[in-house]
PDB file of N, CA and C in Angstrom:
ATOM      1  N   ARG A   1      23.762 -70.260-191.026  1.00  0.00           N
ATOM      2  CA  ARG A   1      23.214 -71.160-192.050  1.00  0.00           C
ATOM      3  C   ARG A   1      22.788 -72.458-191.263  1.00  0.00           C
ATOM      4  N   SER A   2      22.385 -72.909-191.899  1.00  0.00           N
ATOM      5  CA  SER A   2      21.642 -74.661-191.306  1.00  0.00           C
ATOM      6  C   SER A   2      22.089 -75.357-192.877  1.00  0.00           C
ATOM      7  N   GLY A   3      21.819 -76.478-192.279  1.00  0.00           N
ATOM      8  CA  GLY A   3      21.734 -77.616-193.629  1.00  0.00           C
ATOM      9  C   GLY A   3      22.791 -78.413-193.602  1.00  0.00           C
ATOM     10  N   LEU A   4      22.740 -79.365-194.949  1.00  0.00           N
ATOM     11  CA  LEU A   4      23.945 -79.727-195.422  1.00  0.00           C
ATOM     12  C   LEU A   4      24.916 -78.765-196.136  1.00  0.00           C
ATOM     13  N   ARG A   5      25.674 -78.837-196.406  1.00  0.00           N
ATOM     14  CA  ARG A   5      27.439 -78.155-197.115  1.00  0.00           C
ATOM     15  C   ARG A   5      27.334 -79.697-198.718  1.00  0.00           C
ATOM     16  N   ILE A   6      26.938 -79.256-199.673  1.00  0.00           N
ATOM     17  CA  ILE A   6      26.872 -79.237-200.635  1.00  0.00           C
ATOM     18  C   ILE A   6      27.818 -78.230-202.002  1.00  0.00           C
ATOM     19  N   ASN A   7      27.936 -78.389-202.878  1.00  0.00           N
ATOM     20  CA  ASN A   7      29.232 -78.331-203.971  1.00  0.00           C
ATOM     21  C   ASN A   7      28.480 -78.452-204.849  1.00  0.00           C
ATOM     22  N   ALA A   8      29.174 -77.608-206.201  1.00  0.00           N
ATOM     23  CA  ALA A   8      28.213 -76.891-207.115  1.00  0.00           C
ATOM     24  C   ALA A   8      27.884 -78.795-207.839  1.00  0.00           C
ATOM     25  N   ARG A   9      27.781 -79.758-207.382  1.00  0.00           N
ATOM     26  CA  ARG A   9      27.443 -80.973-208.083  1.00  0.00           C
ATOM     27  C   ARG A   9      26.037 -81.685-207.018  1.00  0.00           C
ATOM     28  N   CYS A  10      26.076 -81.069-205.934  1.00  0.00           N
ATOM     29  CA  CYS A  10      24.985 -81.212-204.587  1.00  0.00           C
ATOM     30  C   CYS A  10      25.372 -82.592-204.412  1.00  0.00           C
ATOM     31  N   GLN A  11      27.017 -82.734-204.506  1.00  0.00           N
ATOM     32  CA  GLN A  11      27.034 -83.907-203.413  1.00  0.00           C
ATOM     33  C   GLN A  11      27.703 -82.933-201.882  1.00  0.00           C
ATOM     34  N   VAL A  12      27.019 -84.158-201.163  1.00  0.00           N
ATOM     35  CA  VAL A  12      26.552 -83.661-199.253  1.00  0.00           C
ATOM     36  C   VAL A  12      29.080 -83.500-199.293  1.00  0.00           C
ATOM     37  N   VAL A  13      29.043 -82.312-198.855  1.00  0.00           N
ATOM     38  CA  VAL A  13      30.787 -82.259-198.662  1.00  0.00           C
ATOM     39  C   VAL A  13      30.659 -82.160-196.766  1.00  0.00           C
ATOM     40  N   ASP A  14      31.703 -82.521-196.309  1.00  0.00           N
ATOM     41  CA  ASP A  14      31.661 -83.012-194.607  1.00  0.00           C
ATOM     42  C   ASP A  14      32.397 -81.252-194.482  1.00  0.00           C
ATOM     43  N   LEU A  15      32.780 -81.189-193.080  1.00  0.00           N
ATOM     44  CA  LEU A  15      33.758 -79.754-192.813  1.00  0.00           C
ATOM     45  C   LEU A  15      35.070 -79.787-192.827  1.00  0.00           C
ATOM     46  N   ASN A  16      35.390 -80.935-193.172  1.00  0.00           N
ATOM     47  CA  ASN A  16      36.943 -80.145-193.958  1.00  0.00           C
ATOM     48  C   ASN A  16      37.130 -80.234-196.051  1.00  0.00           C
ATOM     49  N   GLY A  17      35.025 -80.212-196.750  1.00  0.00           N
ATOM     50  CA  GLY A  17      34.705 -79.836-198.012  1.00  0.00           C
ATOM     51  C   GLY A  17      35.020 -81.167-198.655  1.00  0.00           C
ATOM     52  N   ALA A  18      35.409 -82.438-197.672  1.00  0.00           N
ATOM     53  CA  ALA A  18      35.775 -83.785-198.373  1.00  0.00           C
ATOM     54  C   ALA A  18      34.643 -84.534-199.417  1.00  0.00           C
ATOM     55  N   VAL A  19      34.356 -84.706-200.178  1.00  0.00           N
ATOM     56  CA  VAL A  19      32.409 -85.010-201.201  1.00  0.00           C
ATOM     57  C   VAL A  19      32.192 -86.600-200.084  1.00  0.00           C
ATOM     58  N   ILE A  20      30.978 -86.764-199.555  1.00  0.00           N
ATOM     59  CA  ILE A  20      30.683 -87.763-199.149  1.00  0.00           C
ATOM     60  C   ILE A  20      30.081 -88.732-199.605  1.00  0.00           C
ATOM     61  N   PRO A  21      30.703 -89.817-200.871  1.00  0.00           N
ATOM     62  CA  PRO A  21      30.430 -90.596-201.750  1.00  0.00           C
ATOM     63  C   PRO A  21      29.460 -91.303-201.630  1.00  0.00           C
ATOM     64  N   GLY A  22      27.823 -90.821-202.681  1.00  0.00           N
ATOM     65  CA  GLY A  22      26.739 -91.454-203.204  1.00  0.00           C
ATOM     66  C   GLY A  22      25.503 -90.093-202.569  1.00  0.00           C
ATOM     67  N   LEU A  23      26.417 -89.552-201.385  1.00  0.00           N
ATOM     68  CA  LEU A  23      24.949 -88.757-201.175  1.00  0.00           C
ATOM     69  C   LEU A  23      24.522 -87.000-201.494  1.00  0.00           C
ATOM     70  N   TYR A  24      23.591 -87.459-202.195  1.00  0.00           N
ATOM     71  CA  TYR A  24      23.012 -85.840-202.893  1.00  0.00           C
ATOM     72  C   TYR A  24      22.240 -85.273-201.889  1.00  0.00           C
ATOM     73  N   CYS A  25      22.526 -83.975-202.174  1.00  0.00           N
ATOM     74  CA  CYS A  25      21.279 -82.978-201.374  1.00  0.00           C
ATOM     75  C   CYS A  25      20.964 -81.943-202.460  1.00  0.00           C
ATOM     76  N   GLY A  26      19.654 -81.258-201.937  1.00  0.00           N
ATOM     77  CA  GLY A  26      19.670 -79.613-202.274  1.00  0.00           C
ATOM     78  C   GLY A  26      17.823 -79.284-201.604  1.00  0.00           C
ATOM     79  N   GLY A  27      17.812 -77.868-202.679  1.00  0.00           N
ATOM     80  CA  GLY A  27      16.586 -77.752-202.640  1.00  0.00           C
ATOM     81  C   GLY A  27      16.499 -77.002-201.159  1.00  0.00           C
ATOM     82  N   GLU A  28      15.533 -77.511-199.694  1.00  0.00           N
ATOM     83  CA  GLU A  28      15.449 -76.863-198.380  1.00  0.00           C
ATOM     84  C   GLU A  28      16.153 -77.819-197.390  1.00  0.00           C
ATOM     85  N   SER A  29      16.622 -78.370-197.735  1.00  0.00           N
ATOM     86  CA  SER A  29      17.916 -80.075-196.999  1.00  0.00           C
ATOM     87  C   SER A  29      19.635 -78.982-197.034  1.00  0.00           C
ATOM     88  N   ALA A  30      19.394 -78.633-198.312  1.00  0.00           N
ATOM     89  CA  ALA A  30      20.882 -78.037-198.428  1.00  0.00           C
ATOM     90  C   ALA A  30      21.554 -76.655-197.427  1.00  0.00           C
ATOM     91  N   GLY A  31      22.352 -76.253-197.124  1.00  0.00           N
ATOM     92  CA  GLY A  31      23.002 -75.135-196.368  1.00  0.00           C
ATOM     93  C   GLY A  31      22.988 -73.935-197.347  1.00  0.00           C
ATOM     94  N   GLY A  32      22.824 -73.023-196.433  1.00  0.00           N
ATOM     95  CA  GLY A  32      23.649 -71.675-197.438  1.00  0.00           C
ATOM     96  C   GLY A  32      21.957 -70.781-197.426  1.00  0.00           C
ATOM     97  N   PHE A  33      21.492 -69.736-198.164  1.00  0.00           N
ATOM     98  CA  PHE A  33      19.968 -68.601-198.255  1.00  0.00           C
ATOM     99  C   PHE A  33      19.249 -69.534-198.312  1.00  0.00           C
ATOM    100  N   SER A  34      17.755 -69.049-197.855  1.00  0.00           N
ATOM    101  CA  SER A  34      16.720 -70.047-197.707  1.00  0.00           C
ATOM    102  C   SER A  34      15.505 -68.696-199.250  1.00  0.00           C
ATOM    103  N   LEU A  35      16.180 -68.111-199.673  1.00  0.00           N
ATOM    104  CA  LEU A  35      15.440 -67.112-200.994  1.00  0.00           C
ATOM    105  C   LEU A  35      15.065 -68.654-201.996  1.00  0.00           C
ATOM    106  N   HIS A  36      13.625 -68.378-202.780  1.00  0.00           N
ATOM    107  CA  HIS A  36      13.976 -68.936-204.562  1.00  0.00           C
ATOM    108  C   HIS A  36      13.126 -70.276-203.904  1.00  0.00           C
ATOM    109  N   GLY A  37      12.732 -70.946-202.745  1.00  0.00           N
ATOM    110  CA  GLY A  37      12.893 -72.048-202.628  1.00  0.00           C
ATOM    111  C   GLY A  37      12.075 -72.850-203.463  1.00  0.00           C
ATOM    112  N   LEU A  38      11.260 -73.359-204.273  1.00  0.00           N
ATOM    113  CA  LEU A  38      10.495 -73.989-204.976  1.00  0.00           C
ATOM    114  C   LEU A  38      11.679 -74.204-206.724  1.00  0.00           C
ATOM    115  N   ALA A  39      12.054 -72.924-206.927  1.00  0.00           N
ATOM    116  CA  ALA A  39      13.287 -72.971-207.942  1.00  0.00           C
ATOM    117  C   ALA A  39      14.464 -73.868-207.583  1.00  0.00           C
ATOM    118  N   ARG A  40      14.535 -72.966-206.762  1.00  0.00           N
ATOM    119  CA  ARG A  40      15.760 -73.739-205.779  1.00  0.00           C
ATOM    120  C   ARG A  40      15.865 -75.817-205.271  1.00  0.00           C
ATOM    121  N   CYS A  41      14.911 -75.914-205.283  1.00  0.00           N
ATOM    122  CA  CYS A  41      14.388 -77.825-205.063  1.00  0.00           C
ATOM    123  C   CYS A  41      15.038 -77.737-205.962  1.00  0.00           C
ATOM    124  N   THR A  42      13.647 -77.365-207.736  1.00  0.00           N
ATOM    125  CA  THR A  42      14.327 -78.040-208.346  1.00  0.00           C
ATOM    126  C   THR A  42      15.302 -78.321-209.385  1.00  0.00           C
ATOM    127  N   VAL A  43      15.500 -76.741-209.395  1.00  0.00           N
ATOM    128  CA  VAL A  43      17.429 -76.950-209.439  1.00  0.00           C
ATOM    129  C   VAL A  43      17.879 -78.039-209.367  1.00  0.00           C
ATOM    130  N   GLN A  44      17.820 -77.751-208.448  1.00  0.00           N
ATOM    131  CA  GLN A  44      19.166 -78.552-206.587  1.00  0.00           C
ATOM    132  C   GLN A  44      18.628 -80.277-207.571  1.00  0.00           C
ATOM    133  N   GLY A  45      17.297 -80.581-207.460  1.00  0.00           N
ATOM    134  CA  GLY A  45      16.754 -81.717-207.735  1.00  0.00           C
ATOM    135  C   GLY A  45      16.971 -82.080-208.898  1.00  0.00           C
ATOM    136  N   ARG A  46      16.722 -81.033-209.504  1.00  0.00           N
ATOM    137  CA  ARG A  46      17.685 -82.391-211.473  1.00  0.00           C
ATOM    138  C   ARG A  46      18.927 -81.813-211.178  1.00  0.00           C
ATOM    139  N   ILE A  47      19.893 -81.215-210.919  1.00  0.00           N
ATOM    140  CA  ILE A  47      21.277 -81.850-210.548  1.00  0.00           C
ATOM    141  C   ILE A  47      21.863 -83.018-209.745  1.00  0.00           C
ATOM    142  N   ALA A  48      21.545 -83.019-208.756  1.00  0.00           N
ATOM    143  CA  ALA A  48      21.577 -83.817-207.834  1.00  0.00           C
ATOM    144  C   ALA A  48      20.770 -85.622-208.592  1.00  0.00           C
ATOM    145  N   GLY A  49      19.845 -85.403-209.041  1.00  0.00           N
ATOM    146  CA  GLY A  49      19.936 -86.669-209.859  1.00  0.00           C
ATOM    147  C   GLY A  49      20.274 -87.198-210.889  1.00  0.00           C
ATOM    148  N   ARG A  50      20.620 -86.418-211.854  1.00  0.00           N
ATOM    149  CA  ARG A  50      21.598 -86.916-212.945  1.00  0.00           C
ATOM    150  C   ARG A  50      22.886 -86.850-212.665  1.00  0.00           C
ATOM    151  N   ASN A  51      23.251 -86.251-211.442  1.00  0.00           N
ATOM    152  CA  ASN A  51      24.874 -86.322-211.019  1.00  0.00           C
ATOM    153  C   ASN A  51      24.825 -88.180-210.163  1.00  0.00           C
ATOM    154  N   ALA A  52      24.141 -88.378-209.682  1.00  0.00           N
ATOM    155  CA  ALA A  52      22.836 -90.030-208.865  1.00  0.00           C
ATOM    156  C   ALA A  52      23.283 -90.532-210.018  1.00  0.00           C
ATOM    157  N   ALA A  53      22.577 -90.200-210.610  1.00  0.00           N
ATOM    158  CA  ALA A  53      22.590 -91.336-212.237  1.00  0.00           C
ATOM    159  C   ALA A  53      23.822 -91.712-212.256  1.00  0.00           C
ATOM    160  N   ALA A  54      24.572 -90.607-212.829  1.00  0.00           N
ATOM    161  CA  ALA A  54      25.619 -90.719-213.728  1.00  0.00           C
ATOM    162  C   ALA A  54      26.083 -91.991-212.821  1.00  0.00           C
ATOM    163  N   GLU A  55      26.595 -91.596-211.908  1.00  0.00           N
ATOM    164  CA  GLU A  55      27.581 -92.423-210.818  1.00  0.00           C
ATOM    165  C   GLU A  55      27.311 -94.183-211.111  1.00  0.00           C
ATOM    166  N   THR A  56      25.909 -93.772-210.903  1.00  0.00           N
ATOM    167  CA  THR A  56      25.386 -95.529-210.373  1.00  0.00           C
ATOM    168  C   THR A  56      25.752 -95.936-211.993  1.00  0.00           C
ATOM    169  N   ILE A  57      25.129 -95.288-213.506  1.00  0.00           N
ATOM    170  CA  ILE A  57      25.851 -96.228-214.576  1.00  0.00           C
ATOM    171  C   ILE A  57      27.218 -96.174-214.303  1.00  0.00           C
ATOM    172  N   LYS A  58      27.791 -95.199-213.716  1.00  0.00           N
ATOM    173  CA  LYS A  58      29.617 -95.808-214.014  1.00  0.00           C
ATOM    174  C   LYS A  58      29.676 -96.984-213.168  1.00  0.00           C
ATOM    175  N   GLY A  59      29.550 -97.047-212.120  1.00  0.00           N
ATOM    176  CA  GLY A  59      29.430 -98.741-211.669  1.00  0.00           C
ATOM    177  C   GLY A  59      30.447 -97.730-210.123  1.00  0.00           C
TER     178      GLY A  59
END
C-alpha cells in the first residue's frame, strides 16, 4: 500500500492515527486499494471538500 492514510472524513492521519489538522486527501493520493479510480476520486473529493469547508467556516 502506498499513498497517504486517511480517515472516513478524508483527513490525513499520521502513523499513530492522529489527524493532521487542515490536511485532506482523496482519490489516487490516498492509500489503499486502486480500484474504481474515477468514482473514488469523485466521492472522496466531495467528502474532503465538504469537511474542509466546514472546518474553514468553524474557524
